[in-house]
Amino acid sequence: MIKFSKGILFLLFIVVLIGCSDQEASNGQSNDHERTELRFPTAGTTGTIYPLGASMANLWSNEIEEIRVNAQASNGGVDNLNMLMDGEAHVSFATAGIVWEAFNGENTFEGRQYENVRVIAGLYYNPNQFVVREDSGISSIGDIKDKNFVPGASGSTPEVESSIILPKYGINYPEDINETYVGFTEAIDLMRNNQVDGAVIQAGLPTAAVSEMTSTADGKLLGIEEEIRKQLLEEYPWYSEVTIPAGTYDNQENAVETLGIKMLLITDSSVSEDQVYNLTKTFWEGLSELESSHSIVEQIELENAVTELADIPLHEGSLRYYEEQGLDIE
């Protein structure tokens, strides 16, 4: 008969225990191993989307056992769509106009059509906010010609908006401005240091970057004149008229009339129907938990989730949820 000492028996027990643990992990019984990671690019850290996206990622990761969502900063809409198209991201944000261009392969996305982009939800309106220094001598967007101006970061939604709006004022873009392509945070510093005369910010109200510019960089808001608004509304169906109420920002005594575009929560058609259904359901049922991330959440309503989507298809998972809610799908 073979005899084992107590020490050897103990070591055998440990080996068997470790082997069982490894087997459990290989069978997908470990939470870390069975959760699918979804990458979630948002926008610059001083915009509306970044804090909202971080809170959404936490909500999804905490409430949906099968996934872990990792939010990250990005340059915004065009950058986000490129990452989705290249498989480097799974869920993101972009305005309806940029998504339309990608879906149809036009303008910024000419020769690089993205037919597989899908909508999870329509959220709220992003107004174009032109901010200039009080001492810049600029009283209208047309006066930006030949000035030092931040049209947005390269590949961002504001940069696309600059290329659309400035030419309506007779400004050849970008030849007629001294452009600096940076994000919101850098634009704030450049305005404080008198290195640029202004910038365009496109984000939900109120926007931290605009608050900083008006309170610490002697900034003021410019509106888009009615005639220009009418031209843009006729040419680009995704625009909507937006009023920035007086007092939204420091030293803003009057309401400012501008144009906005609906912000969309988007994904790729390759993300599974069940995953997107769970993302959609958890987002809407947990909306109240997101209110502390940004006041913009108060503007998000379920009834508007499926309206004014620029004819971009809903993902099958989201469509299933909205049909359960009895929404009238456009």
C-alpha atoms as a PDB file:
ATOM      1  CA  MET A   1       0.000   0.000   0.000  1.00  0.00           C
ATOM      2  CA  ILE A   2       1.263   3.459  -0.922  1.00  0.00           C
ATOM      3  CA  LYS A   3       1.363   5.848   2.015  1.00  0.00           C
ATOM      4  CA  PHE A   4       1.151   9.643   1.661  1.00  0.00           C
ATOM      5  CA  SER A   5       2.240  12.097   4.276  1.00  0.00           C
ATOM      6  CA  LYS A   6      -0.157  14.803   5.411  1.00  0.00           C
ATOM      7  CA  GLY A   7       1.963  17.405   3.614  1.00  0.00           C
ATOM      8  CA  ILE A   8       1.746  15.598   0.289  1.00  0.00           C
ATOM      9  CA  LEU A   9      -2.011  15.100   0.676  1.00  0.00           C
ATOM     10  CA  PHE A  10      -2.436  18.813   1.331  1.00  0.00           C
ATOM     11  CA  LEU A  11      -0.461  19.701  -1.806  1.00  0.00           C
ATOM     12  CA  LEU A  12      -2.592  17.325  -3.873  1.00  0.00           C
ATOM     13  CA  PHE A  13      -5.724  19.005  -2.511  1.00  0.00           C
ATOM     14  CA  ILE A  14      -4.441  22.437  -3.565  1.00  0.00           C
ATOM     15  CA  VAL A  15      -3.592  21.189  -7.072  1.00  0.00           C
ATOM     16  CA  VAL A  16      -7.084  19.687  -7.493  1.00  0.00           C
ATOM     17  CA  LEU A  17      -8.695  22.930  -6.228  1.00  0.00           C
ATOM     18  CA  ILE A  18      -6.728  25.061  -8.687  1.00  0.00           C
ATOM     19  CA  GLY A  19      -7.601  22.662 -11.487  1.00  0.00           C
ATOM     20  CA  CYS A  20     -11.305  22.997 -10.720  1.00  0.00           C
ATOM     21  CA  SER A  21     -11.047  26.793 -10.713  1.00  0.00           C
ATOM     22  CA  ASP A  22      -9.326  26.756 -14.092  1.00  0.00           C
ATOM     23  CA  GLN A  23     -12.011  24.454 -15.449  1.00  0.00           C
ATOM     24  CA  GLU A  24     -14.759  26.806 -14.233  1.00  0.00           C
ATOM     25  CA  ALA A  25     -13.077  29.734 -15.927  1.00  0.00           C
ATOM     26  CA  SER A  26     -12.697  27.794 -19.189  1.00  0.00           C
ATOM     27  CA  ASN A  27     -16.397  26.935 -19.035  1.00  0.00           C
ATOM     28  CA  GLY A  28     -17.291  30.653 -18.894  1.00  0.00           C
ATOM     29  CA  GLN A  29     -18.307  30.616 -15.242  1.00  0.00           C
ATOM     30  CA  SER A  30     -16.019  33.540 -14.391  1.00  0.00           C
ATOM     31  CA  ASN A  31     -17.800  36.897 -14.689  1.00  0.00           C
ATOM     32  CA  ASP A  32     -14.640  38.561 -15.987  1.00  0.00           C
ATOM     33  CA  HIS A  33     -14.236  36.019 -18.777  1.00  0.00           C
ATOM     34  CA  GLU A  34     -17.823  35.893 -19.955  1.00  0.00           C
ATOM     35  CA  ARG A  35     -18.472  39.649 -20.234  1.00  0.00           C
ATOM     36  CA  THR A  36     -18.150  41.205 -23.674  1.00  0.00           C
ATOM     37  CA  GLU A  37     -16.213  44.471 -23.762  1.00  0.00           C
ATOM     38  CA  LEU A  38     -17.837  47.291 -25.719  1.00  0.00           C
ATOM     39  CA  ARG A  39     -15.728  50.355 -26.524  1.00  0.00           C
ATOM     40  CA  PHE A  40     -17.550  53.679 -26.308  1.00  0.00           C
ATOM     41  CA  PRO A  41     -15.819  56.832 -27.699  1.00  0.00           C
ATOM     42  CA  THR A  42     -17.661  59.977 -26.621  1.00  0.00           C
ATOM     43  CA  ALA A  43     -16.189  63.469 -27.245  1.00  0.00           C
ATOM     44  CA  GLY A  44     -13.856  66.040 -25.676  1.00  0.00           C
ATOM     45  CA  THR A  45     -13.722  66.196 -21.884  1.00  0.00           C
ATOM     46  CA  THR A  46     -15.210  69.713 -21.648  1.00  0.00           C
ATOM     47  CA  GLY A  47     -18.265  68.964 -23.778  1.00  0.00           C
ATOM     48  CA  THR A  48     -21.661  67.602 -22.838  1.00  0.00           C
ATOM     49  CA  ILE A  49     -21.152  64.116 -24.186  1.00  0.00           C
ATOM     50  CA  TYR A  50     -18.094  63.062 -22.195  1.00  0.00           C
ATOM     51  CA  PRO A  51     -19.657  63.110 -18.685  1.00  0.00           C
ATOM     52  CA  LEU A  52     -22.943  61.734 -20.032  1.00  0.00           C
ATOM     53  CA  GLY A  53     -21.152  58.919 -21.832  1.00  0.00           C
ATOM     54  CA  ALA A  54     -19.117  58.004 -18.764  1.00  0.00           C
ATOM     55  CA  SER A  55     -22.294  57.744 -16.684  1.00  0.00           C
ATOM     56  CA  MET A  56     -24.001  55.670 -19.374  1.00  0.00           C
ATOM     57  CA  ALA A  57     -21.047  53.284 -19.490  1.00  0.00           C
ATOM     58  CA  ASN A  58     -21.241  52.818 -15.709  1.00  0.00           C
ATOM     59  CA  LEU A  59     -24.996  52.239 -15.871  1.00  0.00           C
ATOM     60  CA  TRP A  60     -24.673  49.623 -18.594  1.00  0.00           C
ATOM     61  CA  SER A  61     -21.743  47.857 -16.958  1.00  0.00           C
ATOM     62  CA  ASN A  62     -23.507  47.720 -13.593  1.00  0.00           C
ATOM     63  CA  GLU A  63     -26.919  46.627 -14.862  1.00  0.00           C
ATOM     64  CA  ILE A  64     -26.113  44.267 -17.758  1.00  0.00           C
ATOM     65  CA  GLU A  65     -24.201  41.203 -16.624  1.00  0.00           C
ATOM     66  CA  GLU A  66     -23.046  40.127 -20.070  1.00  0.00           C
ATOM     67  CA  ILE A  67     -21.167  43.308 -21.048  1.00  0.00           C
ATOM     68  CA  ARG A  68     -18.630  45.814 -19.816  1.00  0.00           C
ATOM     69  CA  VAL A  69     -18.694  49.236 -21.505  1.00  0.00           C
ATOM     70  CA  ASN A  70     -15.534  51.341 -21.524  1.00  0.00           C
ATOM     71  CA  ALA A  71     -16.084  55.045 -22.259  1.00  0.00           C
ATOM     72  CA  GLN A  72     -13.224  57.162 -23.594  1.00  0.00           C
ATOM     73  CA  ALA A  73     -12.634  60.692 -24.840  1.00  0.00           C
ATOM     74  CA  SER A  74     -12.504  61.330 -28.591  1.00  0.00           C
ATOM     75  CA  ASN A  75     -12.508  64.118 -31.162  1.00  0.00           C
ATOM     76  CA  GLY A  76     -16.245  63.721 -31.642  1.00  0.00           C
ATOM     77  CA  GLY A  77     -18.620  62.766 -34.447  1.00  0.00           C
ATOM     78  CA  VAL A  78     -16.430  62.020 -37.479  1.00  0.00           C
ATOM     79  CA  ASP A  79     -13.792  60.381 -35.315  1.00  0.00           C
ATOM     80  CA  ASN A  80     -16.460  58.271 -33.605  1.00  0.00           C
ATOM     81  CA  LEU A  81     -17.981  57.105 -36.888  1.00  0.00           C
ATOM     82  CA  ASN A  82     -14.575  56.171 -38.272  1.00  0.00           C
ATOM     83  CA  MET A  83     -13.858  54.078 -35.191  1.00  0.00           C
ATOM     84  CA  LEU A  84     -17.219  52.322 -35.488  1.00  0.00           C
ATOM     85  CA  MET A  85     -16.627  51.676 -39.169  1.00  0.00           C
ATOM     86  CA  ASP A  86     -13.156  50.250 -38.500  1.00  0.00           C
ATOM     87  CA  GLY A  87     -14.377  47.989 -35.696  1.00  0.00           C
ATOM     88  CA  GLU A  88     -12.455  49.945 -33.062  1.00  0.00           C
ATOM     89  CA  ALA A  89     -15.675  50.948 -31.254  1.00  0.00           C
ATOM     90  CA  HIS A  90     -19.113  49.439 -30.706  1.00  0.00           C
ATOM     91  CA  VAL A  91     -21.357  52.282 -29.518  1.00  0.00           C
ATOM     92  CA  SER A  92     -20.919  56.046 -29.775  1.00  0.00           C
ATOM     93  CA  PHE A  93     -22.428  59.490 -30.385  1.00  0.00           C
ATOM     94  CA  ALA A  94     -22.710  61.678 -33.484  1.00  0.00           C
ATOM     95  CA  THR A  95     -25.077  64.336 -34.752  1.00  0.00           C
ATOM     96  CA  ALA A  96     -27.678  63.399 -37.355  1.00  0.00           C
ATOM     97  CA  GLY A  97     -25.983  65.393 -40.119  1.00  0.00           C
ATOM     98  CA  ILE A  98     -22.646  63.628 -39.749  1.00  0.00           C
ATOM     99  CA  VAL A  99     -24.329  60.222 -39.536  1.00  0.00           C
ATOM    100  CA  TRP A 100     -26.305  61.033 -42.691  1.00  0.00           C
ATOM    101  CA  GLU A 101     -23.080  61.893 -44.532  1.00  0.00           C
ATOM    102  CA  ALA A 102     -21.490  58.637 -43.404  1.00  0.00           C
ATOM    103  CA  PHE A 103     -24.535  56.515 -44.284  1.00  0.00           C
ATOM    104  CA  ASN A 104     -24.737  58.070 -47.754  1.00  0.00           C
ATOM    105  CA  GLY A 105     -20.988  58.394 -48.391  1.00  0.00           C
ATOM    106  CA  GLU A 106     -21.085  62.137 -48.983  1.00  0.00           C
ATOM    107  CA  ASN A 107     -18.959  65.182 -48.098  1.00  0.00           C
ATOM    108  CA  THR A 108     -16.660  64.132 -45.245  1.00  0.00           C
ATOM    109  CA  PHE A 109     -17.293  60.463 -46.051  1.00  0.00           C
ATOM    110  CA  GLU A 110     -17.084  60.632 -49.830  1.00  0.00           C
ATOM    111  CA  GLY A 111     -15.527  57.371 -51.027  1.00  0.00           C
ATOM    112  CA  ARG A 112     -15.946  55.837 -47.584  1.00  0.00           C
ATOM    113  CA  GLN A 113     -19.636  55.058 -47.269  1.00  0.00           C
ATOM    114  CA  TYR A 114     -20.764  53.519 -43.981  1.00  0.00           C
ATOM    115  CA  GLU A 115     -24.002  51.676 -44.722  1.00  0.00           C
ATOM    116  CA  ASN A 116     -23.852  49.591 -41.542  1.00  0.00           C
ATOM    117  CA  VAL A 117     -24.255  52.457 -39.071  1.00  0.00           C
ATOM    118  CA  ARG A 118     -27.423  52.106 -37.010  1.00  0.00           C
ATOM    119  CA  VAL A 119     -29.287  54.305 -34.516  1.00  0.00           C
ATOM    120  CA  ILE A 120     -29.937  53.260 -30.929  1.00  0.00           C
ATOM    121  CA  ALA A 121     -31.740  56.478 -29.953  1.00  0.00           C
ATOM    122  CA  GLY A 122     -32.320  60.099 -30.855  1.00  0.00           C
ATOM    123  CA  LEU A 123     -31.379  62.133 -27.774  1.00  0.00           C
ATOM    124  CA  TYR A 124     -31.433  65.973 -27.800  1.00  0.00           C
ATOM    125  CA  TYR A 125     -30.397  68.957 -29.920  1.00  0.00           C
ATOM    126  CA  ASN A 126     -26.827  70.192 -30.177  1.00  0.00           C
ATOM    127  CA  PRO A 127     -26.862  73.926 -31.004  1.00  0.00           C
ATOM    128  CA  ASN A 128     -24.035  75.616 -32.872  1.00  0.00           C
ATOM    129  CA  GLN A 129     -22.492  78.061 -30.422  1.00  0.00           C
ATOM    130  CA  PHE A 130     -20.153  80.660 -31.919  1.00  0.00           C
ATOM    131  CA  VAL A 131     -18.149  82.289 -29.128  1.00  0.00           C
ATOM    132  CA  VAL A 132     -15.810  85.264 -29.689  1.00  0.00           C
ATOM    133  CA  ARG A 133     -13.819  87.536 -27.402  1.00  0.00           C
ATOM    134  CA  GLU A 134     -15.498  90.860 -26.593  1.00  0.00           C
ATOM    135  CA  ASP A 135     -12.436  92.814 -27.771  1.00  0.00           C
ATOM    136  CA  SER A 136     -12.086  90.890 -31.052  1.00  0.00           C
ATOM    137  CA  GLY A 137     -14.083  93.387 -33.103  1.00  0.00           C
ATOM    138  CA  ILE A 138     -16.411  90.607 -34.213  1.00  0.00           C
ATOM    139  CA  SER A 139     -20.128  91.394 -34.052  1.00  0.00           C
ATOM    140  CA  SER A 140     -21.375  88.847 -36.616  1.00  0.00           C
ATOM    141  CA  ILE A 141     -20.201  85.476 -37.865  1.00  0.00           C
ATOM    142  CA  GLY A 142     -19.306  87.204 -41.139  1.00  0.00           C
ATOM    143  CA  ASP A 143     -16.661  89.220 -39.255  1.00  0.00           C
ATOM    144  CA  ILE A 144     -14.705  86.014 -38.536  1.00  0.00           C
ATOM    145  CA  LYS A 145     -13.100  86.371 -41.983  1.00  0.00           C
ATOM    146  CA  ASP A 146      -9.309  86.859 -41.650  1.00  0.00           C
ATOM    147  CA  LYS A 147      -9.507  86.341 -37.873  1.00  0.00           C
ATOM    148  CA  ASN A 148      -7.759  83.750 -35.693  1.00  0.00           C
ATOM    149  CA  PHE A 149     -10.459  81.144 -35.227  1.00  0.00           C
ATOM    150  CA  VAL A 150     -10.907  77.604 -33.908  1.00  0.00           C
ATOM    151  CA  PRO A 151     -13.292  75.755 -36.268  1.00  0.00           C
ATOM    152  CA  GLY A 152     -13.047  72.629 -34.117  1.00  0.00           C
ATOM    153  CA  ALA A 153     -10.670  69.715 -33.820  1.00  0.00           C
ATOM    154  CA  SER A 154      -9.816  67.958 -37.043  1.00  0.00           C
ATOM    155  CA  GLY A 155     -12.442  65.304 -37.672  1.00  0.00           C
ATOM    156  CA  SER A 156     -14.921  66.789 -35.218  1.00  0.00           C
ATOM    157  CA  THR A 157     -18.546  67.808 -35.706  1.00  0.00           C
ATOM    158  CA  PRO A 158     -17.778  71.542 -35.119  1.00  0.00           C
ATOM    159  CA  GLU A 159     -15.179  71.385 -37.887  1.00  0.00           C
ATOM    160  CA  VAL A 160     -17.789  70.029 -40.293  1.00  0.00           C
ATOM    161  CA  GLU A 161     -20.251  72.706 -39.138  1.00  0.00           C
ATOM    162  CA  SER A 162     -17.664  75.418 -39.800  1.00  0.00           C
ATOM    163  CA  SER A 163     -17.249  74.140 -43.352  1.00  0.00           C
ATOM    164  CA  ILE A 164     -21.034  74.409 -43.880  1.00  0.00           C
ATOM    165  CA  ILE A 165     -21.937  77.635 -42.071  1.00  0.00           C
ATOM    166  CA  LEU A 166     -18.984  79.976 -42.723  1.00  0.00           C
ATOM    167  CA  PRO A 167     -19.357  79.876 -46.547  1.00  0.00           C
ATOM    168  CA  LYS A 168     -22.945  81.136 -46.148  1.00  0.00           C
ATOM    169  CA  TYR A 169     -21.352  84.354 -44.859  1.00  0.00           C
ATOM    170  CA  GLY A 170     -19.063  84.642 -47.881  1.00  0.00           C
ATOM    171  CA  ILE A 171     -16.109  83.119 -46.027  1.00  0.00           C
ATOM    172  CA  ASN A 172     -14.099  80.624 -48.066  1.00  0.00           C
ATOM    173  CA  TYR A 173     -13.333  77.824 -45.664  1.00  0.00           C
ATOM    174  CA  PRO A 174     -10.623  77.374 -44.528  1.00  0.00           C
ATOM    175  CA  GLU A 175      -8.667  79.822 -46.697  1.00  0.00           C
ATOM    176  CA  ASP A 176     -10.318  82.965 -45.296  1.00  0.00           C
ATOM    177  CA  ILE A 177      -9.581  82.279 -41.618  1.00  0.00           C
ATOM    178  CA  ASN A 178      -6.416  81.757 -39.635  1.00  0.00           C
ATOM    179  CA  GLU A 179      -7.495  78.356 -38.416  1.00  0.00           C
ATOM    180  CA  THR A 180      -6.322  76.374 -35.400  1.00  0.00           C
ATOM    181  CA  TYR A 181      -7.707  72.845 -35.242  1.00  0.00           C
ATOM    182  CA  VAL A 182      -8.019  71.958 -31.573  1.00  0.00           C
ATOM    183  CA  GLY A 183     -10.642  70.648 -29.178  1.00  0.00           C
ATOM    184  CA  PHE A 184     -12.754  72.514 -26.647  1.00  0.00           C
ATOM    185  CA  THR A 185     -10.193  72.505 -23.820  1.00  0.00           C
ATOM    186  CA  GLU A 186      -7.380  73.909 -25.959  1.00  0.00           C
ATOM    187  CA  ALA A 187      -9.735  76.497 -27.472  1.00  0.00           C
ATOM    188  CA  ILE A 188     -10.548  77.828 -23.996  1.00  0.00           C
ATOM    189  CA  ASP A 189      -6.861  78.335 -23.218  1.00  0.00           C
ATOM    190  CA  LEU A 190      -6.188  79.988 -26.574  1.00  0.00           C
ATOM    191  CA  MET A 191      -9.019  82.463 -25.999  1.00  0.00           C
ATOM    192  CA  ARG A 192      -7.827  83.233 -22.455  1.00  0.00           C
ATOM    193  CA  ASN A 193      -4.340  83.941 -23.808  1.00  0.00           C
ATOM    194  CA  ASN A 194      -5.673  86.145 -26.647  1.00  0.00           C
ATOM    195  CA  GLN A 195      -4.188  83.760 -29.201  1.00  0.00           C
ATOM    196  CA  VAL A 196      -7.490  83.261 -31.035  1.00  0.00           C
ATOM    197  CA  ASP A 197     -10.485  85.515 -31.516  1.00  0.00           C
ATOM    198  CA  GLY A 198     -13.144  82.839 -31.213  1.00  0.00           C
ATOM    199  CA  ALA A 199     -14.306  79.274 -31.664  1.00  0.00           C
ATOM    200  CA  VAL A 200     -17.361  77.270 -32.570  1.00  0.00           C
ATOM    201  CA  ILE A 201     -18.666  74.802 -30.019  1.00  0.00           C
ATOM    202  CA  GLN A 202     -21.393  72.309 -30.807  1.00  0.00           C
ATOM    203  CA  ALA A 203     -22.760  70.567 -27.735  1.00  0.00           C
ATOM    204  CA  GLY A 204     -25.892  70.425 -25.609  1.00  0.00           C
ATOM    205  CA  LEU A 205     -26.937  73.283 -23.341  1.00  0.00           C
ATOM    206  CA  PRO A 206     -25.292  74.341 -21.160  1.00  0.00           C
ATOM    207  CA  THR A 207     -21.802  73.444 -22.377  1.00  0.00           C
ATOM    208  CA  ALA A 208     -18.898  73.584 -19.936  1.00  0.00           C
ATOM    209  CA  ALA A 209     -16.540  74.914 -22.612  1.00  0.00           C
ATOM    210  CA  VAL A 210     -18.839  77.850 -23.420  1.00  0.00           C
ATOM    211  CA  SER A 211     -19.316  78.533 -19.713  1.00  0.00           C
ATOM    212  CA  GLU A 212     -15.534  78.751 -19.340  1.00  0.00           C
ATOM    213  CA  MET A 213     -15.180  81.012 -22.365  1.00  0.00           C
ATOM    214  CA  THR A 214     -17.861  83.449 -21.226  1.00  0.00           C
ATOM    215  CA  SER A 215     -16.776  83.535 -17.580  1.00  0.00           C
ATOM    216  CA  THR A 216     -12.972  83.435 -17.841  1.00  0.00           C
ATOM    217  CA  ALA A 217     -12.057  84.391 -21.434  1.00  0.00           C
ATOM    218  CA  ASP A 218     -14.291  87.443 -21.970  1.00  0.00           C
ATOM    219  CA  GLY A 219     -16.355  85.505 -24.490  1.00  0.00           C
ATOM    220  CA  LYS A 220     -19.740  86.348 -25.982  1.00  0.00           C
ATOM    221  CA  LEU A 221     -22.189  84.328 -28.071  1.00  0.00           C
ATOM    222  CA  LEU A 222     -23.081  85.127 -31.672  1.00  0.00           C
ATOM    223  CA  GLY A 223     -26.336  84.062 -33.291  1.00  0.00           C
ATOM    224  CA  ILE A 224     -26.985  82.911 -36.851  1.00  0.00           C
ATOM    225  CA  GLU A 225     -29.035  85.524 -38.707  1.00  0.00           C
ATOM    226  CA  GLU A 226     -32.555  84.584 -39.816  1.00  0.00           C
ATOM    227  CA  GLU A 227     -31.767  84.740 -43.544  1.00  0.00           C
ATOM    228  CA  ILE A 228     -28.801  82.398 -43.128  1.00  0.00           C
ATOM    229  CA  ARG A 229     -30.844  80.060 -40.939  1.00  0.00           C
ATOM    230  CA  LYS A 230     -33.524  79.810 -43.629  1.00  0.00           C
ATOM    231  CA  GLN A 231     -30.935  78.977 -46.301  1.00  0.00           C
ATOM    232  CA  LEU A 232     -29.388  76.249 -44.181  1.00  0.00           C
ATOM    233  CA  LEU A 233     -32.755  74.788 -43.177  1.00  0.00           C
ATOM    234  CA  GLU A 234     -33.753  74.503 -46.839  1.00  0.00           C
ATOM    235  CA  GLU A 235     -30.456  72.921 -47.878  1.00  0.00           C
ATOM    236  CA  TYR A 236     -29.842  70.588 -44.918  1.00  0.00           C
ATOM    237  CA  PRO A 237     -32.975  68.854 -43.609  1.00  0.00           C
ATOM    238  CA  TRP A 238     -31.350  67.726 -40.361  1.00  0.00           C
ATOM    239  CA  TYR A 239     -31.090  71.280 -38.988  1.00  0.00           C
ATOM    240  CA  SER A 240     -33.584  72.676 -36.488  1.00  0.00           C
ATOM    241  CA  GLU A 241     -33.955  76.194 -35.116  1.00  0.00           C
ATOM    242  CA  VAL A 242     -32.725  76.456 -31.537  1.00  0.00           C
ATOM    243  CA  THR A 243     -32.904  79.323 -29.055  1.00  0.00           C
ATOM    244  CA  ILE A 244     -30.226  79.636 -26.389  1.00  0.00           C
ATOM    245  CA  PRO A 245     -32.206  81.279 -23.572  1.00  0.00           C
ATOM    246  CA  ALA A 246     -30.925  84.479 -21.978  1.00  0.00           C
ATOM    247  CA  GLY A 247     -28.877  83.752 -18.887  1.00  0.00           C
ATOM    248  CA  THR A 248     -27.740  80.332 -20.043  1.00  0.00           C
ATOM    249  CA  TYR A 249     -24.189  81.648 -19.700  1.00  0.00           C
ATOM    250  CA  ASP A 250     -22.474  84.436 -17.754  1.00  0.00           C
ATOM    251  CA  ASN A 251     -22.954  87.899 -19.253  1.00  0.00           C
ATOM    252  CA  GLN A 252     -25.557  86.598 -21.721  1.00  0.00           C
ATOM    253  CA  GLU A 253     -28.371  89.099 -21.335  1.00  0.00           C
ATOM    254  CA  ASN A 254     -30.291  88.198 -24.503  1.00  0.00           C
ATOM    255  CA  ALA A 255     -31.547  85.021 -26.125  1.00  0.00           C
ATOM    256  CA  VAL A 256     -29.409  83.820 -29.032  1.00  0.00           C
ATOM    257  CA  GLU A 257     -30.970  82.292 -32.167  1.00  0.00           C
ATOM    258  CA  THR A 258     -28.978  79.541 -33.850  1.00  0.00           C
ATOM    259  CA  LEU A 259     -29.319  76.138 -35.500  1.00  0.00           C
ATOM    260  CA  GLY A 260     -28.988  72.744 -33.877  1.00  0.00           C
ATOM    261  CA  ILE A 261     -28.757  69.115 -34.918  1.00  0.00           C
ATOM    262  CA  LYS A 262     -30.133  66.109 -33.101  1.00  0.00           C
ATOM    263  CA  MET A 263     -27.576  64.078 -31.220  1.00  0.00           C
ATOM    264  CA  LEU A 264     -27.826  60.359 -31.941  1.00  0.00           C
ATOM    265  CA  LEU A 265     -26.671  57.345 -29.960  1.00  0.00           C
ATOM    266  CA  ILE A 266     -25.319  54.977 -32.610  1.00  0.00           C
ATOM    267  CA  THR A 267     -23.858  51.531 -33.115  1.00  0.00           C
ATOM    268  CA  ASP A 268     -22.858  49.120 -35.880  1.00  0.00           C
ATOM    269  CA  SER A 269     -25.224  46.564 -37.398  1.00  0.00           C
ATOM    270  CA  SER A 270     -22.766  43.807 -36.392  1.00  0.00           C
ATOM    271  CA  VAL A 271     -23.450  44.317 -32.668  1.00  0.00           C
ATOM    272  CA  SER A 272     -25.928  41.622 -31.667  1.00  0.00           C
ATOM    273  CA  GLU A 273     -29.646  42.322 -31.459  1.00  0.00           C
ATOM    274  CA  ASP A 274     -29.831  41.134 -27.856  1.00  0.00           C
ATOM    275  CA  GLN A 275     -26.930  43.347 -26.760  1.00  0.00           C
ATOM    276  CA  VAL A 276     -28.400  46.456 -28.365  1.00  0.00           C
ATOM    277  CA  TYR A 277     -31.851  45.625 -26.977  1.00  0.00           C
ATOM    278  CA  ASN A 278     -30.337  45.443 -23.474  1.00  0.00           C
ATOM    279  CA  LEU A 279     -28.399  48.687 -24.011  1.00  0.00           C
ATOM    280  CA  THR A 280     -31.555  50.453 -25.176  1.00  0.00           C
ATOM    281  CA  LYS A 281     -33.819  49.097 -22.439  1.00  0.00           C
ATOM    282  CA  THR A 282     -31.286  49.800 -19.673  1.00  0.00           C
ATOM    283  CA  PHE A 283     -30.626  53.331 -20.936  1.00  0.00           C
ATOM    284  CA  TRP A 284     -34.276  54.365 -20.932  1.00  0.00           C
ATOM    285  CA  GLU A 285     -35.195  52.579 -17.722  1.00  0.00           C
ATOM    286  CA  GLY A 286     -32.151  54.052 -15.959  1.00  0.00           C
ATOM    287  CA  LEU A 287     -32.454  57.575 -17.363  1.00  0.00           C
ATOM    288  CA  SER A 288     -33.157  59.093 -13.938  1.00  0.00           C
ATOM    289  CA  GLU A 289     -29.834  57.721 -12.693  1.00  0.00           C
ATOM    290  CA  LEU A 290     -28.026  59.742 -15.373  1.00  0.00           C
ATOM    291  CA  GLU A 291     -29.471  63.117 -14.366  1.00  0.00           C
ATOM    292  CA  SER A 292     -26.567  63.898 -12.045  1.00  0.00           C
ATOM    293  CA  SER A 293     -24.081  63.620 -14.939  1.00  0.00           C
ATOM    294  CA  HIS A 294     -25.440  66.610 -16.871  1.00  0.00           C
ATOM    295  CA  SER A 295     -28.580  68.732 -16.954  1.00  0.00           C
ATOM    296  CA  ILE A 296     -28.968  67.820 -20.644  1.00  0.00           C
ATOM    297  CA  VAL A 297     -30.604  64.566 -19.496  1.00  0.00           C
ATOM    298  CA  GLU A 298     -33.727  66.572 -18.673  1.00  0.00           C
ATOM    299  CA  GLN A 299     -34.112  67.206 -22.415  1.00  0.00           C
ATOM    300  CA  ILE A 300     -34.076  63.504 -23.346  1.00  0.00           C
ATOM    301  CA  GLU A 301     -37.527  61.965 -23.816  1.00  0.00           C
ATOM    302  CA  LEU A 302     -38.539  58.500 -24.993  1.00  0.00           C
ATOM    303  CA  GLU A 303     -41.116  59.882 -27.440  1.00  0.00           C
ATOM    304  CA  ASN A 304     -38.315  61.647 -29.350  1.00  0.00           C
ATOM    305  CA  ALA A 305     -36.060  58.593 -29.568  1.00  0.00           C
ATOM    306  CA  VAL A 306     -37.328  57.599 -33.006  1.00  0.00           C
ATOM    307  CA  THR A 307     -38.010  61.017 -34.580  1.00  0.00           C
ATOM    308  CA  GLU A 308     -35.808  63.189 -36.838  1.00  0.00           C
ATOM    309  CA  LEU A 309     -33.179  60.494 -37.374  1.00  0.00           C
ATOM    310  CA  ALA A 310     -32.203  61.747 -40.872  1.00  0.00           C
ATOM    311  CA  ASP A 311     -33.528  58.484 -42.390  1.00  0.00           C
ATOM    312  CA  ILE A 312     -30.820  56.422 -40.676  1.00  0.00           C
ATOM    313  CA  PRO A 313     -32.148  52.935 -39.773  1.00  0.00           C
ATOM    314  CA  LEU A 314     -32.696  51.895 -36.190  1.00  0.00           C
ATOM    315  CA  HIS A 315     -30.759  48.850 -35.019  1.00  0.00           C
ATOM    316  CA  GLU A 316     -32.973  45.760 -34.794  1.00  0.00           C
ATOM    317  CA  GLY A 317     -32.373  45.559 -31.038  1.00  0.00           C
ATOM    318  CA  SER A 318     -33.528  49.132 -30.458  1.00  0.00           C
ATOM    319  CA  LEU A 319     -36.434  48.711 -32.845  1.00  0.00           C
ATOM    320  CA  ARG A 320     -37.640  45.729 -30.830  1.00  0.00           C
ATOM    321  CA  TYR A 321     -37.614  47.790 -27.610  1.00  0.00           C
ATOM    322  CA  TYR A 322     -39.446  50.766 -29.148  1.00  0.00           C
ATOM    323  CA  GLU A 323     -42.093  48.510 -30.651  1.00  0.00           C
ATOM    324  CA  GLU A 324     -42.635  47.022 -27.175  1.00  0.00           C
ATOM    325  CA  GLN A 325     -43.138  50.592 -25.909  1.00  0.00           C
ATOM    326  CA  GLY A 326     -45.731  51.271 -28.602  1.00  0.00           C
ATOM    327  CA  LEU A 327     -43.810  54.103 -30.259  1.00  0.00           C
ATOM    328  CA  ASP A 328     -44.782  55.205 -33.749  1.00  0.00           C
ATOM    329  CA  ILE A 329     -41.663  54.379 -35.802  1.00  0.00           C
ATOM    330  CA  GLU A 330     -40.981  56.848 -38.600  1.00  0.00           C
END
